[in-house]
Amino acid sequence: MAFPEHLQHLIQHDQPLAQLTWLGIGGPARYFAEPHSREQLIELVQSAKEQDVPVRVLGSGSNVLVRESGFDGLVISLAAAALAQVEVDGNQMAAGAGAKLSHAITHAVGAGLGGLEHLAGIPGTVGAAICGNASGAGGEIGSTVAAVEVLDDDGTVRTIPADQLQFSHRKSNLSGLMILSVTFQLEPRDVSTLTKRLQKLWIVAHNQRPFDEPRIAQPFIDPDGFSVDDLIQQAGMSGMRLGNVSLASNKPNYLLAHSGASSDDVVELLNRVREQVSLQSGIDLQLNLQIW
């Protein structure tokens, strides 16, 4: 593929992806780019579209499993500052899709705006959180969204207002779209009260994760009204290990990748868990992991 000459400096060939994901598994991307501006991002997407090269966006890598064969296309990172800005205007906050959700939450709380703090501890970027309608004890992120700006694969930028957005349990109608930015409609509240609440929520979230294991991911979505942890425990699969991957014994919806772990190990273990949970409860667990 021949990218425009003025974009060549952005392109890395055969970029290893394992080091960019939490699980630390997987092969390279044929092309990899981290655009420094919206204009560069649009041109990259247009160029790939013209040459029938598939494109995927990589956020923080917290919910991505890359196969050892890698990805035969263009992987775009939105981590550059220009694509991860967070700005407050009155009771609204605009956040680039590449912004870390934790940063957006902290920014909102510091500005005295409530509505996102209950999502503390959820990893990933704003774009991923919106696409998957991330939820916490205080509700779903979709309820705070005023508008979403997306980039179509032909390079067209358009804004989708709240009345055209559809959010349900851990789902939205944004799947498959490249999110550029999100505008939140938040509520003015006392900064000190918000800060104390956020600190408590961070402590709770921290205590729920097996931090002694650096290569982790949450593979399944909690079904509406159920806990994946409980379902796996009831199926007798807590702590199960296959090859070099395992489920945490105390929090089995955490997948641990040990030294030498492979994508095949992960997929096989998840298939076995889904099968056993389905037999025990009749519930078909849905994947939180994106498998490339």
C-alpha atoms as a PDB file:
ATOM      1  CA  MET A   1       0.000   0.000   0.000  1.00  0.00           C
ATOM      2  CA  ALA A   2       1.263   3.465  -0.883  1.00  0.00           C
ATOM      3  CA  PHE A   3       0.236   6.115   1.630  1.00  0.00           C
ATOM      4  CA  PRO A   4       0.529   9.772   0.523  1.00  0.00           C
ATOM      5  CA  GLU A   5       4.105  10.970   0.777  1.00  0.00           C
ATOM      6  CA  HIS A   6       3.303  13.583   3.432  1.00  0.00           C
ATOM      7  CA  LEU A   7       1.922  10.820   5.673  1.00  0.00           C
ATOM      8  CA  GLN A   8       4.775   8.342   5.221  1.00  0.00           C
ATOM      9  CA  HIS A   9       6.539   9.533   8.365  1.00  0.00           C
ATOM     10  CA  LEU A  10       3.547   8.382  10.427  1.00  0.00           C
ATOM     11  CA  ILE A  11       3.545   4.809   9.139  1.00  0.00           C
ATOM     12  CA  GLN A  12       5.326   2.011  10.940  1.00  0.00           C
ATOM     13  CA  HIS A  13       5.523  -1.366   9.231  1.00  0.00           C
ATOM     14  CA  ASP A  14       5.076  -4.680  11.052  1.00  0.00           C
ATOM     15  CA  GLN A  15       4.574  -2.951  14.378  1.00  0.00           C
ATOM     16  CA  PRO A  16       4.347  -5.465  17.264  1.00  0.00           C
ATOM     17  CA  LEU A  17       0.972  -5.132  18.985  1.00  0.00           C
ATOM     18  CA  ALA A  18       1.526  -7.369  22.008  1.00  0.00           C
ATOM     19  CA  GLN A  19       3.336  -4.621  23.882  1.00  0.00           C
ATOM     20  CA  LEU A  20       0.388  -2.277  23.294  1.00  0.00           C
ATOM     21  CA  THR A  21      -2.237  -4.537  24.887  1.00  0.00           C
ATOM     22  CA  TRP A  22      -2.811  -5.435  28.517  1.00  0.00           C
ATOM     23  CA  LEU A  23      -2.593  -9.170  27.843  1.00  0.00           C
ATOM     24  CA  GLY A  24       0.747  -8.806  26.070  1.00  0.00           C
ATOM     25  CA  ILE A  25      -0.194 -11.346  23.409  1.00  0.00           C
ATOM     26  CA  GLY A  26      -0.200 -11.194  19.624  1.00  0.00           C
ATOM     27  CA  GLY A  27       1.623 -10.492  16.408  1.00  0.00           C
ATOM     28  CA  PRO A  28       2.251  -7.312  14.410  1.00  0.00           C
ATOM     29  CA  ALA A  29       0.110  -4.873  12.499  1.00  0.00           C
ATOM     30  CA  ARG A  30       1.068  -4.637   8.846  1.00  0.00           C
ATOM     31  CA  TYR A  31       0.731  -0.855   9.158  1.00  0.00           C
ATOM     32  CA  PHE A  32       0.553   1.216  12.333  1.00  0.00           C
ATOM     33  CA  ALA A  33       0.062   4.942  12.722  1.00  0.00           C
ATOM     34  CA  GLU A  34      -0.437   7.470  15.495  1.00  0.00           C
ATOM     35  CA  PRO A  35      -1.744  10.615  13.790  1.00  0.00           C
ATOM     36  CA  HIS A  36      -0.928  13.919  15.469  1.00  0.00           C
ATOM     37  CA  SER A  37      -3.965  15.794  14.226  1.00  0.00           C
ATOM     38  CA  ARG A  38      -7.537  15.252  13.123  1.00  0.00           C
ATOM     39  CA  GLU A  39      -6.551  16.109   9.570  1.00  0.00           C
ATOM     40  CA  GLN A  40      -3.915  13.369   9.502  1.00  0.00           C
ATOM     41  CA  LEU A  41      -6.392  10.870  10.924  1.00  0.00           C
ATOM     42  CA  ILE A  42      -8.955  11.683   8.232  1.00  0.00           C
ATOM     43  CA  GLU A  43      -6.386  11.369   5.455  1.00  0.00           C
ATOM     44  CA  LEU A  44      -5.142   8.024   6.777  1.00  0.00           C
ATOM     45  CA  VAL A  45      -8.668   6.611   6.877  1.00  0.00           C
ATOM     46  CA  GLN A  46      -9.451   7.929   3.387  1.00  0.00           C
ATOM     47  CA  SER A  47      -6.247   6.498   1.959  1.00  0.00           C
ATOM     48  CA  ALA A  48      -6.894   3.079   3.494  1.00  0.00           C
ATOM     49  CA  LYS A  49     -10.466   3.094   2.203  1.00  0.00           C
ATOM     50  CA  GLU A  50      -9.343   3.914  -1.340  1.00  0.00           C
ATOM     51  CA  GLN A  51      -6.998   0.917  -1.329  1.00  0.00           C
ATOM     52  CA  ASP A  52      -9.338  -1.515   0.453  1.00  0.00           C
ATOM     53  CA  VAL A  53      -7.079  -1.794   3.494  1.00  0.00           C
ATOM     54  CA  PRO A  54      -9.007  -2.681   6.690  1.00  0.00           C
ATOM     55  CA  VAL A  55      -8.639  -0.243   9.589  1.00  0.00           C
ATOM     56  CA  ARG A  56      -8.904  -0.795  13.309  1.00  0.00           C
ATOM     57  CA  VAL A  57      -8.539   1.644  16.173  1.00  0.00           C
ATOM     58  CA  LEU A  58      -6.433   0.743  19.192  1.00  0.00           C
ATOM     59  CA  GLY A  59      -7.185   2.538  22.439  1.00  0.00           C
ATOM     60  CA  SER A  60      -5.511   1.543  25.678  1.00  0.00           C
ATOM     61  CA  GLY A  61      -5.544  -2.149  24.703  1.00  0.00           C
ATOM     62  CA  SER A  62      -7.349  -3.216  27.882  1.00  0.00           C
ATOM     63  CA  ASN A  63      -9.946  -5.329  26.073  1.00  0.00           C
ATOM     64  CA  VAL A  64      -8.067  -6.483  22.963  1.00  0.00           C
ATOM     65  CA  LEU A  65      -6.674  -9.940  22.211  1.00  0.00           C
ATOM     66  CA  VAL A  66      -4.419 -10.039  19.159  1.00  0.00           C
ATOM     67  CA  ARG A  67      -3.786 -13.326  17.383  1.00  0.00           C
ATOM     68  CA  GLU A  68      -0.168 -14.337  16.782  1.00  0.00           C
ATOM     69  CA  SER A  69      -0.740 -13.792  13.062  1.00  0.00           C
ATOM     70  CA  GLY A  70      -1.305 -10.107  13.812  1.00  0.00           C
ATOM     71  CA  PHE A  71      -3.541  -7.783  11.793  1.00  0.00           C
ATOM     72  CA  ASP A  72      -3.153  -7.471   8.026  1.00  0.00           C
ATOM     73  CA  GLY A  73      -4.241  -3.873   7.781  1.00  0.00           C
ATOM     74  CA  LEU A  74      -3.827  -0.434   9.340  1.00  0.00           C
ATOM     75  CA  VAL A  75      -4.032  -0.020  13.108  1.00  0.00           C
ATOM     76  CA  ILE A  76      -4.530   3.561  14.241  1.00  0.00           C
ATOM     77  CA  SER A  77      -3.753   4.811  17.724  1.00  0.00           C
ATOM     78  CA  LEU A  78      -5.678   7.854  18.984  1.00  0.00           C
ATOM     79  CA  ALA A  79      -3.287   8.427  21.890  1.00  0.00           C
ATOM     80  CA  ALA A  80      -1.835  11.689  20.559  1.00  0.00           C
ATOM     81  CA  ALA A  81      -2.697  14.718  22.675  1.00  0.00           C
ATOM     82  CA  ALA A  82      -4.661  16.404  19.884  1.00  0.00           C
ATOM     83  CA  LEU A  83      -7.059  13.425  19.737  1.00  0.00           C
ATOM     84  CA  ALA A  84      -7.357  12.993  23.489  1.00  0.00           C
ATOM     85  CA  GLN A  85      -8.204  16.499  24.688  1.00  0.00           C
ATOM     86  CA  VAL A  86     -10.786  17.130  27.388  1.00  0.00           C
ATOM     87  CA  GLU A  87     -12.492  20.528  27.602  1.00  0.00           C
ATOM     88  CA  VAL A  88     -15.298  21.899  29.777  1.00  0.00           C
ATOM     89  CA  ASP A  89     -17.867  24.424  28.600  1.00  0.00           C
ATOM     90  CA  GLY A  90     -20.501  25.195  31.202  1.00  0.00           C
ATOM     91  CA  ASN A  91     -22.211  21.952  32.179  1.00  0.00           C
ATOM     92  CA  GLN A  92     -20.890  20.133  29.129  1.00  0.00           C
ATOM     93  CA  MET A  93     -17.564  18.388  28.687  1.00  0.00           C
ATOM     94  CA  ALA A  94     -16.089  17.370  25.340  1.00  0.00           C
ATOM     95  CA  ALA A  95     -13.548  14.537  25.286  1.00  0.00           C
ATOM     96  CA  GLY A  96     -11.535  13.126  22.416  1.00  0.00           C
ATOM     97  CA  ALA A  97     -12.091   9.430  21.790  1.00  0.00           C
ATOM     98  CA  GLY A  98      -8.464   8.715  22.652  1.00  0.00           C
ATOM     99  CA  ALA A  99      -8.704  10.288  26.099  1.00  0.00           C
ATOM    100  CA  LYS A 100      -8.443   7.852  28.973  1.00  0.00           C
ATOM    101  CA  LEU A 101     -11.765   7.455  30.734  1.00  0.00           C
ATOM    102  CA  SER A 102     -10.029   7.948  34.075  1.00  0.00           C
ATOM    103  CA  HIS A 103      -8.660  11.299  32.884  1.00  0.00           C
ATOM    104  CA  ALA A 104     -12.091  12.437  31.689  1.00  0.00           C
ATOM    105  CA  ILE A 105     -13.641  11.501  35.042  1.00  0.00           C
ATOM    106  CA  THR A 106     -10.958  13.345  37.008  1.00  0.00           C
ATOM    107  CA  HIS A 107     -11.300  16.392  34.749  1.00  0.00           C
ATOM    108  CA  ALA A 108     -15.071  16.488  35.242  1.00  0.00           C
ATOM    109  CA  VAL A 109     -14.805  16.159  39.024  1.00  0.00           C
ATOM    110  CA  GLY A 110     -12.182  18.911  39.148  1.00  0.00           C
ATOM    111  CA  ALA A 111     -14.569  21.172  37.252  1.00  0.00           C
ATOM    112  CA  GLY A 112     -17.396  20.422  39.669  1.00  0.00           C
ATOM    113  CA  LEU A 113     -19.368  18.320  37.207  1.00  0.00           C
ATOM    114  CA  GLY A 114     -20.974  15.072  38.319  1.00  0.00           C
ATOM    115  CA  GLY A 115     -22.316  12.138  36.377  1.00  0.00           C
ATOM    116  CA  LEU A 116     -19.208  10.130  35.479  1.00  0.00           C
ATOM    117  CA  GLU A 117     -17.519   9.476  38.816  1.00  0.00           C
ATOM    118  CA  HIS A 118     -19.331   6.156  39.342  1.00  0.00           C
ATOM    119  CA  LEU A 119     -17.301   4.789  36.406  1.00  0.00           C
ATOM    120  CA  ALA A 120     -14.048   5.109  38.360  1.00  0.00           C
ATOM    121  CA  GLY A 121     -11.790   2.114  37.926  1.00  0.00           C
ATOM    122  CA  ILE A 122     -13.055   1.142  34.475  1.00  0.00           C
ATOM    123  CA  PRO A 123     -10.022   0.950  32.176  1.00  0.00           C
ATOM    124  CA  GLY A 124      -9.830   2.109  28.588  1.00  0.00           C
ATOM    125  CA  THR A 125     -10.592   5.184  26.559  1.00  0.00           C
ATOM    126  CA  VAL A 126     -13.636   7.405  26.243  1.00  0.00           C
ATOM    127  CA  GLY A 127     -14.346   6.082  22.748  1.00  0.00           C
ATOM    128  CA  ALA A 128     -14.387   2.464  23.886  1.00  0.00           C
ATOM    129  CA  ALA A 129     -16.480   3.294  26.955  1.00  0.00           C
ATOM    130  CA  ILE A 130     -19.132   4.978  24.818  1.00  0.00           C
ATOM    131  CA  CYS A 131     -19.203   2.251  22.185  1.00  0.00           C
ATOM    132  CA  GLY A 132     -19.700  -0.424  24.854  1.00  0.00           C
ATOM    133  CA  ASN A 133     -21.895   1.756  27.086  1.00  0.00           C
ATOM    134  CA  ALA A 134     -19.690   1.204  30.134  1.00  0.00           C
ATOM    135  CA  SER A 135     -21.608   0.965  33.387  1.00  0.00           C
ATOM    136  CA  GLY A 136     -20.961   1.194  37.092  1.00  0.00           C
ATOM    137  CA  ALA A 137     -22.980   1.197  40.287  1.00  0.00           C
ATOM    138  CA  GLY A 138     -24.426   4.592  39.453  1.00  0.00           C
ATOM    139  CA  GLY A 139     -25.655   3.800  35.955  1.00  0.00           C
ATOM    140  CA  GLU A 140     -24.496   3.760  32.347  1.00  0.00           C
ATOM    141  CA  ILE A 141     -22.264   6.266  30.599  1.00  0.00           C
ATOM    142  CA  GLY A 142     -24.747   6.544  27.731  1.00  0.00           C
ATOM    143  CA  SER A 143     -27.195   8.447  29.935  1.00  0.00           C
ATOM    144  CA  THR A 144     -24.767  11.383  30.095  1.00  0.00           C
ATOM    145  CA  VAL A 145     -24.032  11.662  26.361  1.00  0.00           C
ATOM    146  CA  ALA A 146     -25.283  14.755  24.506  1.00  0.00           C
ATOM    147  CA  ALA A 147     -23.632  14.021  21.153  1.00  0.00           C
ATOM    148  CA  VAL A 148     -21.007  11.840  19.496  1.00  0.00           C
ATOM    149  CA  GLU A 149     -18.768  12.876  16.625  1.00  0.00           C
ATOM    150  CA  VAL A 150     -17.801  10.047  14.259  1.00  0.00           C
ATOM    151  CA  LEU A 151     -15.605   9.584  11.211  1.00  0.00           C
ATOM    152  CA  ASP A 152     -16.999   7.538   8.333  1.00  0.00           C
ATOM    153  CA  ASP A 153     -14.571   5.433   6.305  1.00  0.00           C
ATOM    154  CA  ASP A 154     -14.856   7.847   3.369  1.00  0.00           C
ATOM    155  CA  GLY A 155     -13.492  10.636   5.561  1.00  0.00           C
ATOM    156  CA  THR A 156     -16.818  12.305   6.326  1.00  0.00           C
ATOM    157  CA  VAL A 157     -17.117  13.753   9.838  1.00  0.00           C
ATOM    158  CA  ARG A 158     -20.624  13.884  11.278  1.00  0.00           C
ATOM    159  CA  THR A 159     -22.241  14.495  14.637  1.00  0.00           C
ATOM    160  CA  ILE A 160     -24.864  12.134  16.034  1.00  0.00           C
ATOM    161  CA  PRO A 161     -27.162  13.873  18.552  1.00  0.00           C
ATOM    162  CA  ALA A 162     -28.442  12.156  21.669  1.00  0.00           C
ATOM    163  CA  ASP A 163     -31.884  11.461  20.192  1.00  0.00           C
ATOM    164  CA  GLN A 164     -30.281   9.328  17.471  1.00  0.00           C
ATOM    165  CA  LEU A 165     -28.113   7.324  19.854  1.00  0.00           C
ATOM    166  CA  GLN A 166     -29.278   3.994  21.187  1.00  0.00           C
ATOM    167  CA  PHE A 167     -27.805   2.658  24.400  1.00  0.00           C
ATOM    168  CA  SER A 168     -28.720  -0.620  26.072  1.00  0.00           C
ATOM    169  CA  HIS A 169     -26.970  -2.926  28.514  1.00  0.00           C
ATOM    170  CA  ARG A 170     -23.271  -2.725  27.517  1.00  0.00           C
ATOM    171  CA  LYS A 171     -24.222  -1.952  23.918  1.00  0.00           C
ATOM    172  CA  SER A 172     -24.781   1.003  21.599  1.00  0.00           C
ATOM    173  CA  ASN A 173     -25.546   1.678  17.965  1.00  0.00           C
ATOM    174  CA  LEU A 174     -22.004   3.040  17.573  1.00  0.00           C
ATOM    175  CA  SER A 175     -20.417  -0.375  17.043  1.00  0.00           C
ATOM    176  CA  GLY A 176     -18.282  -0.372  13.908  1.00  0.00           C
ATOM    177  CA  LEU A 177     -18.031   3.431  13.770  1.00  0.00           C
ATOM    178  CA  MET A 178     -14.840   5.386  14.414  1.00  0.00           C
ATOM    179  CA  ILE A 179     -15.590   7.756  17.271  1.00  0.00           C
ATOM    180  CA  LEU A 180     -13.741  11.086  17.210  1.00  0.00           C
ATOM    181  CA  SER A 181     -15.157  12.820  20.267  1.00  0.00           C
ATOM    182  CA  VAL A 182     -17.969  12.733  22.795  1.00  0.00           C
ATOM    183  CA  THR A 183     -19.879  15.596  24.413  1.00  0.00           C
ATOM    184  CA  PHE A 184     -21.242  14.868  27.880  1.00  0.00           C
ATOM    185  CA  GLN A 185     -24.104  16.688  29.583  1.00  0.00           C
ATOM    186  CA  LEU A 186     -23.186  16.722  33.263  1.00  0.00           C
ATOM    187  CA  GLU A 187     -24.545  18.184  36.498  1.00  0.00           C
ATOM    188  CA  PRO A 188     -22.914  20.960  38.560  1.00  0.00           C
ATOM    189  CA  ARG A 189     -21.997  19.732  42.044  1.00  0.00           C
ATOM    190  CA  ASP A 190     -19.706  20.600  44.920  1.00  0.00           C
ATOM    191  CA  VAL A 191     -16.084  19.831  44.003  1.00  0.00           C
ATOM    192  CA  SER A 192     -15.115  18.709  47.498  1.00  0.00           C
ATOM    193  CA  THR A 193     -18.034  16.287  47.769  1.00  0.00           C
ATOM    194  CA  LEU A 194     -17.367  14.895  44.304  1.00  0.00           C
ATOM    195  CA  THR A 195     -13.666  14.464  45.042  1.00  0.00           C
ATOM    196  CA  LYS A 196     -14.318  12.525  48.251  1.00  0.00           C
ATOM    197  CA  ARG A 197     -16.801  10.268  46.455  1.00  0.00           C
ATOM    198  CA  LEU A 198     -14.354   9.662  43.618  1.00  0.00           C
ATOM    199  CA  GLN A 199     -11.575   8.753  46.065  1.00  0.00           C
ATOM    200  CA  LYS A 200     -13.819   6.181  47.771  1.00  0.00           C
ATOM    201  CA  LEU A 201     -14.839   4.686  44.440  1.00  0.00           C
ATOM    202  CA  TRP A 202     -11.205   4.411  43.331  1.00  0.00           C
ATOM    203  CA  ILE A 203     -10.341   2.523  46.517  1.00  0.00           C
ATOM    204  CA  VAL A 204     -13.205   0.088  45.953  1.00  0.00           C
ATOM    205  CA  ALA A 205     -12.213  -0.444  42.313  1.00  0.00           C
ATOM    206  CA  HIS A 206      -8.564  -0.941  43.271  1.00  0.00           C
ATOM    207  CA  ASN A 207      -9.429  -3.601  45.837  1.00  0.00           C
ATOM    208  CA  GLN A 208     -11.492  -5.563  43.329  1.00  0.00           C
ATOM    209  CA  ARG A 209      -8.630  -6.232  40.948  1.00  0.00           C
ATOM    210  CA  PRO A 210      -5.747  -8.744  41.208  1.00  0.00           C
ATOM    211  CA  PHE A 211      -3.010  -6.147  40.827  1.00  0.00           C
ATOM    212  CA  ASP A 212      -0.239  -8.611  41.557  1.00  0.00           C
ATOM    213  CA  GLU A 213      -0.774  -9.817  37.990  1.00  0.00           C
ATOM    214  CA  PRO A 214       0.218  -7.205  35.372  1.00  0.00           C
ATOM    215  CA  ARG A 215      -1.184  -8.997  32.309  1.00  0.00           C
ATOM    216  CA  ILE A 216      -4.923  -9.080  32.902  1.00  0.00           C
ATOM    217  CA  ALA A 217      -8.230  -8.475  31.149  1.00  0.00           C
ATOM    218  CA  GLN A 218     -11.917  -8.838  31.903  1.00  0.00           C
ATOM    219  CA  PRO A 219     -13.084 -11.261  29.213  1.00  0.00           C
ATOM    220  CA  PHE A 220     -16.852 -11.251  29.762  1.00  0.00           C
ATOM    221  CA  ILE A 221     -19.676  -8.736  30.082  1.00  0.00           C
ATOM    222  CA  ASP A 222     -21.912  -9.024  33.130  1.00  0.00           C
ATOM    223  CA  PRO A 223     -25.332 -10.122  31.857  1.00  0.00           C
ATOM    224  CA  ASP A 224     -28.121  -7.736  32.833  1.00  0.00           C
ATOM    225  CA  GLY A 225     -29.014  -8.583  36.413  1.00  0.00           C
ATOM    226  CA  PHE A 226     -26.203 -11.136  36.900  1.00  0.00           C
ATOM    227  CA  SER A 227     -22.564 -11.196  37.952  1.00  0.00           C
ATOM    228  CA  VAL A 228     -20.052 -13.022  35.761  1.00  0.00           C
ATOM    229  CA  ASP A 229     -17.986 -13.728  38.863  1.00  0.00           C
ATOM    230  CA  ASP A 230     -20.943 -15.504  40.478  1.00  0.00           C
ATOM    231  CA  LEU A 231     -21.839 -17.439  37.319  1.00  0.00           C
ATOM    232  CA  ILE A 232     -18.283 -18.721  36.872  1.00  0.00           C
ATOM    233  CA  GLN A 233     -18.008 -19.659  40.542  1.00  0.00           C
ATOM    234  CA  GLN A 234     -21.308 -21.535  40.392  1.00  0.00           C
ATOM    235  CA  ALA A 235     -20.020 -23.408  37.353  1.00  0.00           C
ATOM    236  CA  GLY A 236     -16.982 -24.479  39.378  1.00  0.00           C
ATOM    237  CA  MET A 237     -14.437 -22.789  37.123  1.00  0.00           C
ATOM    238  CA  SER A 238     -12.855 -20.188  39.405  1.00  0.00           C
ATOM    239  CA  GLY A 239      -9.067 -20.344  39.143  1.00  0.00           C
ATOM    240  CA  MET A 240      -9.212 -22.648  36.127  1.00  0.00           C
ATOM    241  CA  ARG A 241      -5.985 -22.770  34.111  1.00  0.00           C
ATOM    242  CA  LEU A 242      -5.406 -23.876  30.537  1.00  0.00           C
ATOM    243  CA  GLY A 243      -1.912 -23.719  29.131  1.00  0.00           C
ATOM    244  CA  ASN A 244      -0.455 -20.418  30.256  1.00  0.00           C
ATOM    245  CA  VAL A 245      -3.680 -18.528  30.948  1.00  0.00           C
ATOM    246  CA  SER A 246      -5.993 -18.774  33.927  1.00  0.00           C
ATOM    247  CA  LEU A 247      -8.945 -17.178  35.687  1.00  0.00           C
ATOM    248  CA  ALA A 248      -8.331 -15.414  38.990  1.00  0.00           C
ATOM    249  CA  SER A 249      -9.520 -17.626  41.830  1.00  0.00           C
ATOM    250  CA  ASN A 250     -11.172 -14.834  43.824  1.00  0.00           C
ATOM    251  CA  LYS A 251     -12.377 -12.694  40.901  1.00  0.00           C
ATOM    252  CA  PRO A 252     -12.857 -15.182  38.042  1.00  0.00           C
ATOM    253  CA  ASN A 253     -13.917 -12.561  35.501  1.00  0.00           C
ATOM    254  CA  TYR A 254     -10.264 -11.557  35.403  1.00  0.00           C
ATOM    255  CA  LEU A 255      -8.170 -13.452  32.886  1.00  0.00           C
ATOM    256  CA  LEU A 256      -4.476 -13.741  33.736  1.00  0.00           C
ATOM    257  CA  ALA A 257      -1.884 -14.199  30.993  1.00  0.00           C
ATOM    258  CA  HIS A 258       1.229 -15.920  32.308  1.00  0.00           C
ATOM    259  CA  SER A 259       4.608 -16.191  30.613  1.00  0.00           C
ATOM    260  CA  GLY A 260       4.279 -18.021  27.296  1.00  0.00           C
ATOM    261  CA  ALA A 261       0.529 -17.396  26.994  1.00  0.00           C
ATOM    262  CA  SER A 262      -0.942 -17.626  23.493  1.00  0.00           C
ATOM    263  CA  SER A 263      -4.124 -16.398  21.879  1.00  0.00           C
ATOM    264  CA  ASP A 264      -5.183 -20.014  21.332  1.00  0.00           C
ATOM    265  CA  ASP A 265      -4.898 -20.612  25.095  1.00  0.00           C
ATOM    266  CA  VAL A 266      -7.142 -17.618  25.752  1.00  0.00           C
ATOM    267  CA  VAL A 267      -9.783 -18.529  23.175  1.00  0.00           C
ATOM    268  CA  GLU A 268      -9.927 -22.168  24.292  1.00  0.00           C
ATOM    269  CA  LEU A 269     -10.290 -21.233  27.958  1.00  0.00           C
ATOM    270  CA  LEU A 270     -13.037 -18.712  27.223  1.00  0.00           C
ATOM    271  CA  ASN A 271     -14.910 -21.231  25.082  1.00  0.00           C
ATOM    272  CA  ARG A 272     -14.821 -23.771  27.889  1.00  0.00           C
ATOM    273  CA  VAL A 273     -16.068 -21.224  30.413  1.00  0.00           C
ATOM    274  CA  ARG A 274     -18.924 -20.123  28.168  1.00  0.00           C
ATOM    275  CA  GLU A 275     -19.936 -23.720  27.542  1.00  0.00           C
ATOM    276  CA  GLN A 276     -19.935 -24.670  31.217  1.00  0.00           C
ATOM    277  CA  VAL A 277     -21.765 -21.520  32.340  1.00  0.00           C
ATOM    278  CA  SER A 278     -24.386 -22.104  29.652  1.00  0.00           C
ATOM    279  CA  LEU A 279     -24.898 -25.694  30.834  1.00  0.00           C
ATOM    280  CA  GLN A 280     -25.214 -24.618  34.473  1.00  0.00           C
ATOM    281  CA  SER A 281     -27.305 -21.474  34.101  1.00  0.00           C
ATOM    282  CA  GLY A 282     -28.593 -21.284  30.545  1.00  0.00           C
ATOM    283  CA  ILE A 283     -26.833 -17.924  30.144  1.00  0.00           C
ATOM    284  CA  ASP A 284     -24.658 -17.299  27.088  1.00  0.00           C
ATOM    285  CA  LEU A 285     -21.805 -15.082  28.259  1.00  0.00           C
ATOM    286  CA  GLN A 286     -20.919 -12.294  25.842  1.00  0.00           C
ATOM    287  CA  LEU A 287     -17.293 -11.374  25.242  1.00  0.00           C
ATOM    288  CA  ASN A 288     -15.866  -8.102  26.458  1.00  0.00           C
ATOM    289  CA  LEU A 289     -12.626  -8.936  24.633  1.00  0.00           C
ATOM    290  CA  GLN A 290     -12.232  -7.932  21.006  1.00  0.00           C
ATOM    291  CA  ILE A 291     -10.357 -10.693  19.186  1.00  0.00           C
ATOM    292  CA  TRP A 292      -8.246  -9.474  16.267  1.00  0.00           C
END
